[in-house]
Amino acid sequence: MDWITDYENIDPADLEDVSATLEKIMNQSKGLSFDFDHGKECEPGKGFVTESLFVATKRAIFWVVILKHHKFAFMRVTPEWIKAYGNIILLSPEIFVEFNRHRRIIEWTAEQDKVIDKK
């Protein structure tokens, strides 16, 4: 899987692109807010996703999530990753993520509505 990204080593320019894009989104969206300062580390955390966005910048594509209590995390993704997992994320009733001190998503899981026919 050559399209998995190193979560710790994201180019600072990419991070600035994400920050600028998210500020634009926040300014245009009423009721959407989150806690983010791209220059600071945070406490690692986990939680259920309330908003899920795909953000494309000039250099990269990011999956951005906003969790309850306005916590924020993201993961750099590729078009192949979106093709493989995008529908799961968009169609899942619940998504749970874990993130590190750099707000990078390190683990995620999606609830799926499946019924097993017991015959």
PDB file of N, CA and C in Angstrom:
ATOM      1  N   MET A   1       0.840  -1.179   0.000  1.00  0.00           N
ATOM      2  CA  MET A   1       0.000   0.000   0.000  1.00  0.00           C
ATOM      3  C   MET A   1       0.889   1.248   0.000  1.00  0.00           C
ATOM      4  N   ASP A   2       1.337   1.635  -1.160  1.00  0.00           N
ATOM      5  CA  ASP A   2       2.215   2.781  -1.263  1.00  0.00           C
ATOM      6  C   ASP A   2       1.483   4.109  -1.101  1.00  0.00           C
ATOM      7  N   TRP A   3       0.191   4.090  -0.924  1.00  0.00           N
ATOM      8  CA  TRP A   3      -0.558   5.336  -0.753  1.00  0.00           C
ATOM      9  C   TRP A   3      -0.881   5.630   0.694  1.00  0.00           C
ATOM     10  N   ILE A   4      -0.249   4.920   1.628  1.00  0.00           N
ATOM     11  CA  ILE A   4      -0.361   5.239   3.054  1.00  0.00           C
ATOM     12  C   ILE A   4       0.693   6.300   3.353  1.00  0.00           C
ATOM     13  N   THR A   5       0.329   7.299   4.114  1.00  0.00           N
ATOM     14  CA  THR A   5       1.212   8.427   4.380  1.00  0.00           C
ATOM     15  C   THR A   5       1.785   8.352   5.780  1.00  0.00           C
ATOM     16  N   ASP A   6       3.007   8.817   5.939  1.00  0.00           N
ATOM     17  CA  ASP A   6       3.633   8.953   7.251  1.00  0.00           C
ATOM     18  C   ASP A   6       2.929  10.100   7.979  1.00  0.00           C
ATOM     19  N   TYR A   7       2.232   9.791   9.060  1.00  0.00           N
ATOM     20  CA  TYR A   7       1.405  10.777   9.747  1.00  0.00           C
ATOM     21  C   TYR A   7       2.215  11.850  10.457  1.00  0.00           C
ATOM     22  N   GLU A   8       3.452  11.567  10.831  1.00  0.00           N
ATOM     23  CA  GLU A   8       4.252  12.523  11.592  1.00  0.00           C
ATOM     24  C   GLU A   8       4.946  13.543  10.695  1.00  0.00           C
ATOM     25  N   ASN A   9       5.271  13.157   9.469  1.00  0.00           N
ATOM     26  CA  ASN A   9       6.145  13.980   8.638  1.00  0.00           C
ATOM     27  C   ASN A   9       5.412  14.631   7.479  1.00  0.00           C
ATOM     28  N   ILE A  10       4.458  15.464   7.799  1.00  0.00           N
ATOM     29  CA  ILE A  10       3.750  16.212   6.764  1.00  0.00           C
ATOM     30  C   ILE A  10       4.486  17.534   6.569  1.00  0.00           C
ATOM     31  N   ASP A  11       4.697  17.879   5.343  1.00  0.00           N
ATOM     32  CA  ASP A  11       5.396  19.107   4.988  1.00  0.00           C
ATOM     33  C   ASP A  11       4.700  20.315   5.628  1.00  0.00           C
ATOM     34  N   PRO A  12       5.457  21.210   6.297  1.00  0.00           N
ATOM     35  CA  PRO A  12       4.842  22.404   6.903  1.00  0.00           C
ATOM     36  C   PRO A  12       4.055  23.252   5.906  1.00  0.00           C
ATOM     37  N   ALA A  13       4.479  23.264   4.653  1.00  0.00           N
ATOM     38  CA  ALA A  13       3.734  24.022   3.635  1.00  0.00           C
ATOM     39  C   ALA A  13       2.353  23.423   3.432  1.00  0.00           C
ATOM     40  N   ASP A  14       2.257  22.083   3.462  1.00  0.00           N
ATOM     41  CA  ASP A  14       0.951  21.434   3.362  1.00  0.00           C
ATOM     42  C   ASP A  14       0.072  21.831   4.543  1.00  0.00           C
ATOM     43  N   LEU A  15       0.666  21.859   5.723  1.00  0.00           N
ATOM     44  CA  LEU A  15      -0.081  22.209   6.921  1.00  0.00           C
ATOM     45  C   LEU A  15      -0.604  23.642   6.841  1.00  0.00           C
ATOM     46  N   GLU A  16       0.214  24.550   6.304  1.00  0.00           N
ATOM     47  CA  GLU A  16      -0.237  25.929   6.132  1.00  0.00           C
ATOM     48  C   GLU A  16      -1.379  25.998   5.120  1.00  0.00           C
ATOM     49  N   ASP A  17      -1.303  25.195   4.045  1.00  0.00           N
ATOM     50  CA  ASP A  17      -2.387  25.145   3.063  1.00  0.00           C
ATOM     51  C   ASP A  17      -3.685  24.677   3.712  1.00  0.00           C
ATOM     52  N   VAL A  18      -3.604  23.627   4.535  1.00  0.00           N
ATOM     53  CA  VAL A  18      -4.791  23.111   5.223  1.00  0.00           C
ATOM     54  C   VAL A  18      -5.344  24.172   6.152  1.00  0.00           C
ATOM     55  N   SER A  19      -4.473  24.818   6.909  1.00  0.00           N
ATOM     56  CA  SER A  19      -4.906  25.849   7.845  1.00  0.00           C
ATOM     57  C   SER A  19      -5.638  26.975   7.122  1.00  0.00           C
ATOM     58  N   ALA A  20      -5.060  27.460   6.028  1.00  0.00           N
ATOM     59  CA  ALA A  20      -5.690  28.549   5.264  1.00  0.00           C
ATOM     60  C   ALA A  20      -7.030  28.115   4.689  1.00  0.00           C
ATOM     61  N   THR A  21      -7.093  26.898   4.169  1.00  0.00           N
ATOM     62  CA  THR A  21      -8.339  26.390   3.596  1.00  0.00           C
ATOM     63  C   THR A  21      -9.406  26.255   4.667  1.00  0.00           C
ATOM     64  N   LEU A  22      -9.026  25.735   5.833  1.00  0.00           N
ATOM     65  CA  LEU A  22      -9.998  25.559   6.913  1.00  0.00           C
ATOM     66  C   LEU A  22     -10.493  26.894   7.460  1.00  0.00           C
ATOM     67  N   GLU A  23      -9.618  27.894   7.504  1.00  0.00           N
ATOM     68  CA  GLU A  23     -10.064  29.220   7.932  1.00  0.00           C
ATOM     69  C   GLU A  23     -11.125  29.765   6.969  1.00  0.00           C
ATOM     70  N   LYS A  24     -10.915  29.553   5.668  1.00  0.00           N
ATOM     71  CA  LYS A  24     -11.913  29.984   4.682  1.00  0.00           C
ATOM     72  C   LYS A  24     -13.241  29.266   4.899  1.00  0.00           C
ATOM     73  N   ILE A  25     -13.161  27.952   5.149  1.00  0.00           N
ATOM     74  CA  ILE A  25     -14.378  27.169   5.386  1.00  0.00           C
ATOM     75  C   ILE A  25     -15.099  27.683   6.622  1.00  0.00           C
ATOM     76  N   MET A  26     -14.360  27.928   7.704  1.00  0.00           N
ATOM     77  CA  MET A  26     -14.978  28.426   8.942  1.00  0.00           C
ATOM     78  C   MET A  26     -15.631  29.784   8.734  1.00  0.00           C
ATOM     79  N   ASN A  27     -14.974  30.653   7.983  1.00  0.00           N
ATOM     80  CA  ASN A  27     -15.523  31.992   7.754  1.00  0.00           C
ATOM     81  C   ASN A  27     -16.805  31.951   6.926  1.00  0.00           C
ATOM     82  N   GLN A  28     -16.937  30.957   6.062  1.00  0.00           N
ATOM     83  CA  GLN A  28     -18.113  30.857   5.209  1.00  0.00           C
ATOM     84  C   GLN A  28     -19.219  29.995   5.801  1.00  0.00           C
ATOM     85  N   SER A  29     -18.903  29.193   6.808  1.00  0.00           N
ATOM     86  CA  SER A  29     -19.880  28.256   7.369  1.00  0.00           C
ATOM     87  C   SER A  29     -20.309  28.707   8.753  1.00  0.00           C
ATOM     88  N   LYS A  30     -21.578  28.985   8.889  1.00  0.00           N
ATOM     89  CA  LYS A  30     -22.091  29.340  10.207  1.00  0.00           C
ATOM     90  C   LYS A  30     -22.258  28.073  11.022  1.00  0.00           C
ATOM     91  N   GLY A  31     -21.829  28.109  12.253  1.00  0.00           N
ATOM     92  CA  GLY A  31     -21.999  26.966  13.138  1.00  0.00           C
ATOM     93  C   GLY A  31     -20.882  25.939  13.064  1.00  0.00           C
ATOM     94  N   LEU A  32     -19.935  26.098  12.144  1.00  0.00           N
ATOM     95  CA  LEU A  32     -18.818  25.165  12.041  1.00  0.00           C
ATOM     96  C   LEU A  32     -17.601  25.816  12.676  1.00  0.00           C
ATOM     97  N   SER A  33     -17.129  25.229  13.765  1.00  0.00           N
ATOM     98  CA  SER A  33     -15.931  25.764  14.410  1.00  0.00           C
ATOM     99  C   SER A  33     -15.136  24.621  15.010  1.00  0.00           C
ATOM    100  N   PHE A  34     -13.849  24.856  15.185  1.00  0.00           N
ATOM    101  CA  PHE A  34     -12.986  23.854  15.777  1.00  0.00           C
ATOM    102  C   PHE A  34     -11.764  24.528  16.359  1.00  0.00           C
ATOM    103  N   ASP A  35     -11.064  23.794  17.191  1.00  0.00           N
ATOM    104  CA  ASP A  35      -9.896  24.278  17.895  1.00  0.00           C
ATOM    105  C   ASP A  35      -8.657  23.881  17.094  1.00  0.00           C
ATOM    106  N   PHE A  36      -7.954  24.865  16.505  1.00  0.00           N
ATOM    107  CA  PHE A  36      -6.784  24.525  15.704  1.00  0.00           C
ATOM    108  C   PHE A  36      -5.774  25.656  15.697  1.00  0.00           C
ATOM    109  N   ASP A  37      -4.539  25.334  16.027  1.00  0.00           N
ATOM    110  CA  ASP A  37      -3.396  26.228  15.857  1.00  0.00           C
ATOM    111  C   ASP A  37      -2.290  25.364  15.278  1.00  0.00           C
ATOM    112  N   HIS A  38      -2.000  25.513  13.982  1.00  0.00           N
ATOM    113  CA  HIS A  38      -1.100  24.572  13.315  1.00  0.00           C
ATOM    114  C   HIS A  38       0.333  24.625  13.818  1.00  0.00           C
ATOM    115  N   GLY A  39       0.673  25.583  14.655  1.00  0.00           N
ATOM    116  CA  GLY A  39       2.028  25.656  15.191  1.00  0.00           C
ATOM    117  C   GLY A  39       2.206  24.949  16.523  1.00  0.00           C
ATOM    118  N   LYS A  40       1.115  24.487  17.118  1.00  0.00           N
ATOM    119  CA  LYS A  40       1.191  23.900  18.461  1.00  0.00           C
ATOM    120  C   LYS A  40       0.827  22.429  18.453  1.00  0.00           C
ATOM    121  N   GLU A  41       1.485  21.696  19.342  1.00  0.00           N
ATOM    122  CA  GLU A  41       1.096  20.308  19.564  1.00  0.00           C
ATOM    123  C   GLU A  41      -0.105  20.301  20.495  1.00  0.00           C
ATOM    124  N   CYS A  42      -0.809  19.183  20.518  1.00  0.00           N
ATOM    125  CA  CYS A  42      -1.971  19.054  21.383  1.00  0.00           C
ATOM    126  C   CYS A  42      -1.894  17.721  22.110  1.00  0.00           C
ATOM    127  N   GLU A  43      -2.826  17.490  22.987  1.00  0.00           N
ATOM    128  CA  GLU A  43      -2.933  16.190  23.644  1.00  0.00           C
ATOM    129  C   GLU A  43      -3.466  15.185  22.636  1.00  0.00           C
ATOM    130  N   PRO A  44      -2.878  13.997  22.554  1.00  0.00           N
ATOM    131  CA  PRO A  44      -3.483  12.966  21.698  1.00  0.00           C
ATOM    132  C   PRO A  44      -4.914  12.704  22.157  1.00  0.00           C
ATOM    133  N   GLY A  45      -5.746  12.260  21.259  1.00  0.00           N
ATOM    134  CA  GLY A  45      -7.135  12.048  21.641  1.00  0.00           C
ATOM    135  C   GLY A  45      -7.859  11.094  20.719  1.00  0.00           C
ATOM    136  N   LYS A  46      -9.158  10.984  20.980  1.00  0.00           N
ATOM    137  CA  LYS A  46     -10.015  10.126  20.174  1.00  0.00           C
ATOM    138  C   LYS A  46     -11.447  10.583  20.356  1.00  0.00           C
ATOM    139  N   GLY A  47     -12.300  10.192  19.426  1.00  0.00           N
ATOM    140  CA  GLY A  47     -13.696  10.547  19.553  1.00  0.00           C
ATOM    141  C   GLY A  47     -14.481  10.285  18.280  1.00  0.00           C
ATOM    142  N   PHE A  48     -15.782  10.525  18.394  1.00  0.00           N
ATOM    143  CA  PHE A  48     -16.684  10.353  17.260  1.00  0.00           C
ATOM    144  C   PHE A  48     -16.687  11.614  16.398  1.00  0.00           C
ATOM    145  N   VAL A  49     -16.757  11.412  15.107  1.00  0.00           N
ATOM    146  CA  VAL A  49     -16.712  12.498  14.135  1.00  0.00           C
ATOM    147  C   VAL A  49     -18.099  13.127  14.000  1.00  0.00           C
ATOM    148  N   THR A  50     -18.147  14.470  14.016  1.00  0.00           N
ATOM    149  CA  THR A  50     -19.406  15.175  13.770  1.00  0.00           C
ATOM    150  C   THR A  50     -19.446  15.762  12.361  1.00  0.00           C
ATOM    151  N   GLU A  51     -18.279  16.143  11.828  1.00  0.00           N
ATOM    152  CA  GLU A  51     -18.177  16.662  10.463  1.00  0.00           C
ATOM    153  C   GLU A  51     -16.977  16.005   9.796  1.00  0.00           C
ATOM    154  N   SER A  52     -17.129  15.656   8.532  1.00  0.00           N
ATOM    155  CA  SER A  52     -16.054  15.011   7.783  1.00  0.00           C
ATOM    156  C   SER A  52     -15.921  15.721   6.444  1.00  0.00           C
ATOM    157  N   LEU A  53     -14.704  16.180   6.135  1.00  0.00           N
ATOM    158  CA  LEU A  53     -14.473  16.945   4.918  1.00  0.00           C
ATOM    159  C   LEU A  53     -13.264  16.396   4.166  1.00  0.00           C
ATOM    160  N   PHE A  54     -13.282  16.501   2.858  1.00  0.00           N
ATOM    161  CA  PHE A  54     -12.090  16.252   2.058  1.00  0.00           C
ATOM    162  C   PHE A  54     -11.640  17.604   1.547  1.00  0.00           C
ATOM    163  N   VAL A  55     -10.393  17.970   1.847  1.00  0.00           N
ATOM    164  CA  VAL A  55      -9.857  19.273   1.485  1.00  0.00           C
ATOM    165  C   VAL A  55      -8.697  19.069   0.520  1.00  0.00           C
ATOM    166  N   ALA A  56      -8.800  19.679  -0.650  1.00  0.00           N
ATOM    167  CA  ALA A  56      -7.726  19.607  -1.634  1.00  0.00           C
ATOM    168  C   ALA A  56      -7.012  20.948  -1.680  1.00  0.00           C
ATOM    169  N   THR A  57      -5.699  20.903  -1.520  1.00  0.00           N
ATOM    170  CA  THR A  57      -4.874  22.102  -1.635  1.00  0.00           C
ATOM    171  C   THR A  57      -4.046  21.969  -2.913  1.00  0.00           C
ATOM    172  N   LYS A  58      -3.166  22.906  -3.142  1.00  0.00           N
ATOM    173  CA  LYS A  58      -2.308  22.843  -4.335  1.00  0.00           C
ATOM    174  C   LYS A  58      -1.355  21.655  -4.272  1.00  0.00           C
ATOM    175  N   ARG A  59      -0.996  21.226  -3.061  1.00  0.00           N
ATOM    176  CA  ARG A  59       0.019  20.196  -2.904  1.00  0.00           C
ATOM    177  C   ARG A  59      -0.497  18.825  -2.502  1.00  0.00           C
ATOM    178  N   ALA A  60      -1.678  18.760  -1.879  1.00  0.00           N
ATOM    179  CA  ALA A  60      -2.118  17.480  -1.307  1.00  0.00           C
ATOM    180  C   ALA A  60      -3.620  17.473  -1.068  1.00  0.00           C
ATOM    181  N   ILE A  61      -4.129  16.292  -0.712  1.00  0.00           N
ATOM    182  CA  ILE A  61      -5.532  16.109  -0.335  1.00  0.00           C
ATOM    183  C   ILE A  61      -5.547  15.635   1.112  1.00  0.00           C
ATOM    184  N   PHE A  62      -6.452  16.198   1.913  1.00  0.00           N
ATOM    185  CA  PHE A  62      -6.557  15.829   3.311  1.00  0.00           C
ATOM    186  C   PHE A  62      -7.978  15.427   3.652  1.00  0.00           C
ATOM    187  N   TRP A  63      -8.090  14.440   4.523  1.00  0.00           N
ATOM    188  CA  TRP A  63      -9.373  14.101   5.146  1.00  0.00           C
ATOM    189  C   TRP A  63      -9.358  14.818   6.481  1.00  0.00           C
ATOM    190  N   VAL A  64     -10.297  15.711   6.667  1.00  0.00           N
ATOM    191  CA  VAL A  64     -10.374  16.536   7.860  1.00  0.00           C
ATOM    192  C   VAL A  64     -11.626  16.147   8.632  1.00  0.00           C
ATOM    193  N   VAL A  65     -11.482  15.946   9.939  1.00  0.00           N
ATOM    194  CA  VAL A  65     -12.642  15.619  10.763  1.00  0.00           C
ATOM    195  C   VAL A  65     -12.743  16.594  11.925  1.00  0.00           C
ATOM    196  N   ILE A  66     -13.960  16.901  12.261  1.00  0.00           N
ATOM    197  CA  ILE A  66     -14.245  17.688  13.454  1.00  0.00           C
ATOM    198  C   ILE A  66     -15.019  16.776  14.381  1.00  0.00           C
ATOM    199  N   LEU A  67     -14.533  16.706  15.627  1.00  0.00           N
ATOM    200  CA  LEU A  67     -15.134  15.825  16.611  1.00  0.00           C
ATOM    201  C   LEU A  67     -15.991  16.630  17.573  1.00  0.00           C
ATOM    202  N   LYS A  68     -16.715  15.925  18.427  1.00  0.00           N
ATOM    203  CA  LYS A  68     -17.490  16.607  19.454  1.00  0.00           C
ATOM    204  C   LYS A  68     -16.543  17.478  20.281  1.00  0.00           C
ATOM    205  N   HIS A  69     -17.049  18.527  20.853  1.00  0.00           N
ATOM    206  CA  HIS A  69     -16.289  19.496  21.655  1.00  0.00           C
ATOM    207  C   HIS A  69     -15.269  20.249  20.805  1.00  0.00           C
ATOM    208  N   HIS A  70     -15.521  20.350  19.499  1.00  0.00           N
ATOM    209  CA  HIS A  70     -14.721  21.154  18.571  1.00  0.00           C
ATOM    210  C   HIS A  70     -13.274  20.703  18.454  1.00  0.00           C
ATOM    211  N   LYS A  71     -12.989  19.459  18.726  1.00  0.00           N
ATOM    212  CA  LYS A  71     -11.645  18.940  18.484  1.00  0.00           C
ATOM    213  C   LYS A  71     -11.512  18.659  16.990  1.00  0.00           C
ATOM    214  N   PHE A  72     -10.286  18.664  16.522  1.00  0.00           N
ATOM    215  CA  PHE A  72     -10.025  18.616  15.095  1.00  0.00           C
ATOM    216  C   PHE A  72      -8.864  17.665  14.827  1.00  0.00           C
ATOM    217  N   ALA A  73      -8.940  16.900  13.749  1.00  0.00           N
ATOM    218  CA  ALA A  73      -7.837  16.028  13.332  1.00  0.00           C
ATOM    219  C   ALA A  73      -7.889  15.878  11.813  1.00  0.00           C
ATOM    220  N   PHE A  74      -6.779  15.423  11.243  1.00  0.00           N
ATOM    221  CA  PHE A  74      -6.751  15.262   9.795  1.00  0.00           C
ATOM    222  C   PHE A  74      -5.762  14.178   9.401  1.00  0.00           C
ATOM    223  N   MET A  75      -5.864  13.768   8.143  1.00  0.00           N
ATOM    224  CA  MET A  75      -4.974  12.767   7.589  1.00  0.00           C
ATOM    225  C   MET A  75      -4.759  13.089   6.114  1.00  0.00           C
ATOM    226  N   ARG A  76      -3.518  13.034   5.683  1.00  0.00           N
ATOM    227  CA  ARG A  76      -3.231  13.231   4.261  1.00  0.00           C
ATOM    228  C   ARG A  76      -3.633  11.955   3.526  1.00  0.00           C
ATOM    229  N   VAL A  77      -4.334  12.119   2.415  1.00  0.00           N
ATOM    230  CA  VAL A  77      -4.816  10.971   1.649  1.00  0.00           C
ATOM    231  C   VAL A  77      -4.457  11.164   0.174  1.00  0.00           C
ATOM    232  N   THR A  78      -4.670  10.119  -0.576  1.00  0.00           N
ATOM    233  CA  THR A  78      -4.412  10.161  -2.014  1.00  0.00           C
ATOM    234  C   THR A  78      -5.723   9.880  -2.751  1.00  0.00           C
ATOM    235  N   PRO A  79      -5.770  10.128  -4.050  1.00  0.00           N
ATOM    236  CA  PRO A  79      -6.973   9.771  -4.806  1.00  0.00           C
ATOM    237  C   PRO A  79      -7.302   8.279  -4.686  1.00  0.00           C
ATOM    238  N   GLU A  80      -6.274   7.438  -4.616  1.00  0.00           N
ATOM    239  CA  GLU A  80      -6.510   5.994  -4.461  1.00  0.00           C
ATOM    240  C   GLU A  80      -7.156   5.681  -3.116  1.00  0.00           C
ATOM    241  N   TRP A  81      -6.723   6.385  -2.066  1.00  0.00           N
ATOM    242  CA  TRP A  81      -7.298   6.192  -0.733  1.00  0.00           C
ATOM    243  C   TRP A  81      -8.774   6.597  -0.749  1.00  0.00           C
ATOM    244  N   ILE A  82      -9.069   7.725  -1.363  1.00  0.00           N
ATOM    245  CA  ILE A  82     -10.462   8.181  -1.442  1.00  0.00           C
ATOM    246  C   ILE A  82     -11.301   7.170  -2.216  1.00  0.00           C
ATOM    247  N   LYS A  83     -10.749   6.639  -3.289  1.00  0.00           N
ATOM    248  CA  LYS A  83     -11.477   5.643  -4.078  1.00  0.00           C
ATOM    249  C   LYS A  83     -11.772   4.401  -3.244  1.00  0.00           C
ATOM    250  N   ALA A  84     -10.804   3.976  -2.421  1.00  0.00           N
ATOM    251  CA  ALA A  84     -10.970   2.774  -1.608  1.00  0.00           C
ATOM    252  C   ALA A  84     -11.871   2.995  -0.395  1.00  0.00           C
ATOM    253  N   TYR A  85     -11.767   4.153   0.256  1.00  0.00           N
ATOM    254  CA  TYR A  85     -12.445   4.357   1.540  1.00  0.00           C
ATOM    255  C   TYR A  85     -13.477   5.489   1.568  1.00  0.00           C
ATOM    256  N   GLY A  86     -13.521   6.314   0.535  1.00  0.00           N
ATOM    257  CA  GLY A  86     -14.414   7.473   0.543  1.00  0.00           C
ATOM    258  C   GLY A  86     -15.873   7.147   0.781  1.00  0.00           C
ATOM    259  N   ASN A  87     -16.408   6.152   0.080  1.00  0.00           N
ATOM    260  CA  ASN A  87     -17.821   5.798   0.267  1.00  0.00           C
ATOM    261  C   ASN A  87     -18.091   5.242   1.662  1.00  0.00           C
ATOM    262  N   ILE A  88     -17.154   4.496   2.205  1.00  0.00           N
ATOM    263  CA  ILE A  88     -17.329   3.984   3.572  1.00  0.00           C
ATOM    264  C   ILE A  88     -17.476   5.156   4.533  1.00  0.00           C
ATOM    265  N   ILE A  89     -16.610   6.151   4.390  1.00  0.00           N
ATOM    266  CA  ILE A  89     -16.656   7.317   5.273  1.00  0.00           C
ATOM    267  C   ILE A  89     -17.943   8.110   5.070  1.00  0.00           C
ATOM    268  N   LEU A  90     -18.290   8.366   3.825  1.00  0.00           N
ATOM    269  CA  LEU A  90     -19.463   9.194   3.555  1.00  0.00           C
ATOM    270  C   LEU A  90     -20.784   8.512   3.909  1.00  0.00           C
ATOM    271  N   LEU A  91     -20.844   7.192   3.822  1.00  0.00           N
ATOM    272  CA  LEU A  91     -22.095   6.474   4.065  1.00  0.00           C
ATOM    273  C   LEU A  91     -22.215   5.880   5.469  1.00  0.00           C
ATOM    274  N   SER A  92     -21.181   5.993   6.281  1.00  0.00           N
ATOM    275  CA  SER A  92     -21.223   5.408   7.627  1.00  0.00           C
ATOM    276  C   SER A  92     -22.011   6.293   8.578  1.00  0.00           C
ATOM    277  N   PRO A  93     -22.870   5.669   9.409  1.00  0.00           N
ATOM    278  CA  PRO A  93     -23.605   6.458  10.387  1.00  0.00           C
ATOM    279  C   PRO A  93     -22.716   7.011  11.502  1.00  0.00           C
ATOM    280  N   GLU A  94     -21.627   6.335  11.825  1.00  0.00           N
ATOM    281  CA  GLU A  94     -20.696   6.791  12.870  1.00  0.00           C
ATOM    282  C   GLU A  94     -19.269   6.492  12.435  1.00  0.00           C
ATOM    283  N   ILE A  95     -18.368   7.434  12.693  1.00  0.00           N
ATOM    284  CA  ILE A  95     -16.943   7.232  12.467  1.00  0.00           C
ATOM    285  C   ILE A  95     -16.223   7.604  13.757  1.00  0.00           C
ATOM    286  N   PHE A  96     -15.276   6.765  14.148  1.00  0.00           N
ATOM    287  CA  PHE A  96     -14.487   6.998  15.349  1.00  0.00           C
ATOM    288  C   PHE A  96     -13.027   7.112  14.929  1.00  0.00           C
ATOM    289  N   VAL A  97     -12.327   8.137  15.423  1.00  0.00           N
ATOM    290  CA  VAL A  97     -10.920   8.327  15.078  1.00  0.00           C
ATOM    291  C   VAL A  97     -10.070   8.477  16.331  1.00  0.00           C
ATOM    292  N   GLU A  98      -8.800   8.129  16.187  1.00  0.00           N
ATOM    293  CA  GLU A  98      -7.780   8.416  17.186  1.00  0.00           C
ATOM    294  C   GLU A  98      -6.740   9.286  16.499  1.00  0.00           C
ATOM    295  N   PHE A  99      -6.214  10.281  17.245  1.00  0.00           N
ATOM    296  CA  PHE A  99      -5.211  11.158  16.644  1.00  0.00           C
ATOM    297  C   PHE A  99      -4.042  11.366  17.592  1.00  0.00           C
ATOM    298  N   ASN A 100      -2.884  11.728  17.010  1.00  0.00           N
ATOM    299  CA  ASN A 100      -1.681  11.920  17.812  1.00  0.00           C
ATOM    300  C   ASN A 100      -1.511  13.381  18.206  1.00  0.00           C
ATOM    301  N   ARG A 101      -0.369  13.702  18.787  1.00  0.00           N
ATOM    302  CA  ARG A 101      -0.130  15.061  19.294  1.00  0.00           C
ATOM    303  C   ARG A 101      -0.024  16.110  18.188  1.00  0.00           C
ATOM    304  N   HIS A 102       0.116  15.659  16.946  1.00  0.00           N
ATOM    305  CA  HIS A 102       0.164  16.575  15.804  1.00  0.00           C
ATOM    306  C   HIS A 102      -1.179  16.675  15.093  1.00  0.00           C
ATOM    307  N   ARG A 103      -2.215  16.127  15.720  1.00  0.00           N
ATOM    308  CA  ARG A 103      -3.586  16.097  15.194  1.00  0.00           C
ATOM    309  C   ARG A 103      -3.728  15.208  13.961  1.00  0.00           C
ATOM    310  N   ARG A 104      -2.754  14.346  13.709  1.00  0.00           N
ATOM    311  CA  ARG A 104      -2.847  13.421  12.593  1.00  0.00           C
ATOM    312  C   ARG A 104      -3.671  12.208  13.007  1.00  0.00           C
ATOM    313  N   ILE A 105      -4.610  11.821  12.176  1.00  0.00           N
ATOM    314  CA  ILE A 105      -5.403  10.622  12.438  1.00  0.00           C
ATOM    315  C   ILE A 105      -4.468   9.426  12.298  1.00  0.00           C
ATOM    316  N   ILE A 106      -4.411   8.602  13.343  1.00  0.00           N
ATOM    317  CA  ILE A 106      -3.544   7.425  13.308  1.00  0.00           C
ATOM    318  C   ILE A 106      -4.347   6.137  13.216  1.00  0.00           C
ATOM    319  N   GLU A 107      -5.627   6.211  13.539  1.00  0.00           N
ATOM    320  CA  GLU A 107      -6.503   5.037  13.462  1.00  0.00           C
ATOM    321  C   GLU A 107      -7.930   5.527  13.287  1.00  0.00           C
ATOM    322  N   TRP A 108      -8.703   4.803  12.507  1.00  0.00           N
ATOM    323  CA  TRP A 108     -10.119   5.161  12.359  1.00  0.00           C
ATOM    324  C   TRP A 108     -10.921   3.902  12.100  1.00  0.00           C
ATOM    325  N   THR A 109     -12.177   3.991  12.468  1.00  0.00           N
ATOM    326  CA  THR A 109     -13.093   2.887  12.206  1.00  0.00           C
ATOM    327  C   THR A 109     -14.462   3.463  11.882  1.00  0.00           C
ATOM    328  N   ALA A 110     -15.185   2.771  11.022  1.00  0.00           N
ATOM    329  CA  ALA A 110     -16.508   3.232  10.593  1.00  0.00           C
ATOM    330  C   ALA A 110     -17.544   2.165  10.917  1.00  0.00           C
ATOM    331  N   GLU A 111     -18.660   2.605  11.465  1.00  0.00           N
ATOM    332  CA  GLU A 111     -19.787   1.692  11.712  1.00  0.00           C
ATOM    333  C   GLU A 111     -20.480   1.452  10.384  1.00  0.00           C
ATOM    334  N   GLN A 112     -20.850   0.217  10.164  1.00  0.00           N
ATOM    335  CA  GLN A 112     -21.571  -0.111   8.943  1.00  0.00           C
ATOM    336  C   GLN A 112     -22.873  -0.799   9.299  1.00  0.00           C
ATOM    337  N   ASP A 113     -23.927  -0.411   8.619  1.00  0.00           N
ATOM    338  CA  ASP A 113     -25.239  -1.037   8.832  1.00  0.00           C
ATOM    339  C   ASP A 113     -25.323  -2.279   7.963  1.00  0.00           C
ATOM    340  N   LYS A 114     -25.104  -3.415   8.590  1.00  0.00           N
ATOM    341  CA  LYS A 114     -25.197  -4.674   7.848  1.00  0.00           C
ATOM    342  C   LYS A 114     -26.090  -5.622   8.650  1.00  0.00           C
ATOM    343  N   VAL A 115     -26.912  -6.326   7.937  1.00  0.00           N
ATOM    344  CA  VAL A 115     -27.791  -7.300   8.568  1.00  0.00           C
ATOM    345  C   VAL A 115     -27.347  -8.686   8.114  1.00  0.00           C
ATOM    346  N   ILE A 116     -27.146  -9.571   9.087  1.00  0.00           N
ATOM    347  CA  ILE A 116     -26.758 -10.938   8.771  1.00  0.00           C
ATOM    348  C   ILE A 116     -28.003 -11.790   8.779  1.00  0.00           C
ATOM    349  N   ASP A 117     -28.274 -12.434   7.660  1.00  0.00           N
ATOM    350  CA  ASP A 117     -29.442 -13.306   7.540  1.00  0.00           C
ATOM    351  C   ASP A 117     -29.129 -14.642   8.187  1.00  0.00           C
ATOM    352  N   LYS A 118     -29.820 -14.946   9.287  1.00  0.00           N
ATOM    353  CA  LYS A 118     -29.601 -16.210  10.011  1.00  0.00           C
ATOM    354  C   LYS A 118     -30.593 -17.244   9.510  1.00  0.00           C
ATOM    355  N   LYS A 119     -30.108 -18.186   8.728  1.00  0.00           N
ATOM    356  CA  LYS A 119     -30.978 -19.215   8.191  1.00  0.00           C
ATOM    357  C   LYS A 119     -30.658 -20.535   8.823  1.00  0.00           C
TER     358      LYS A 119
END
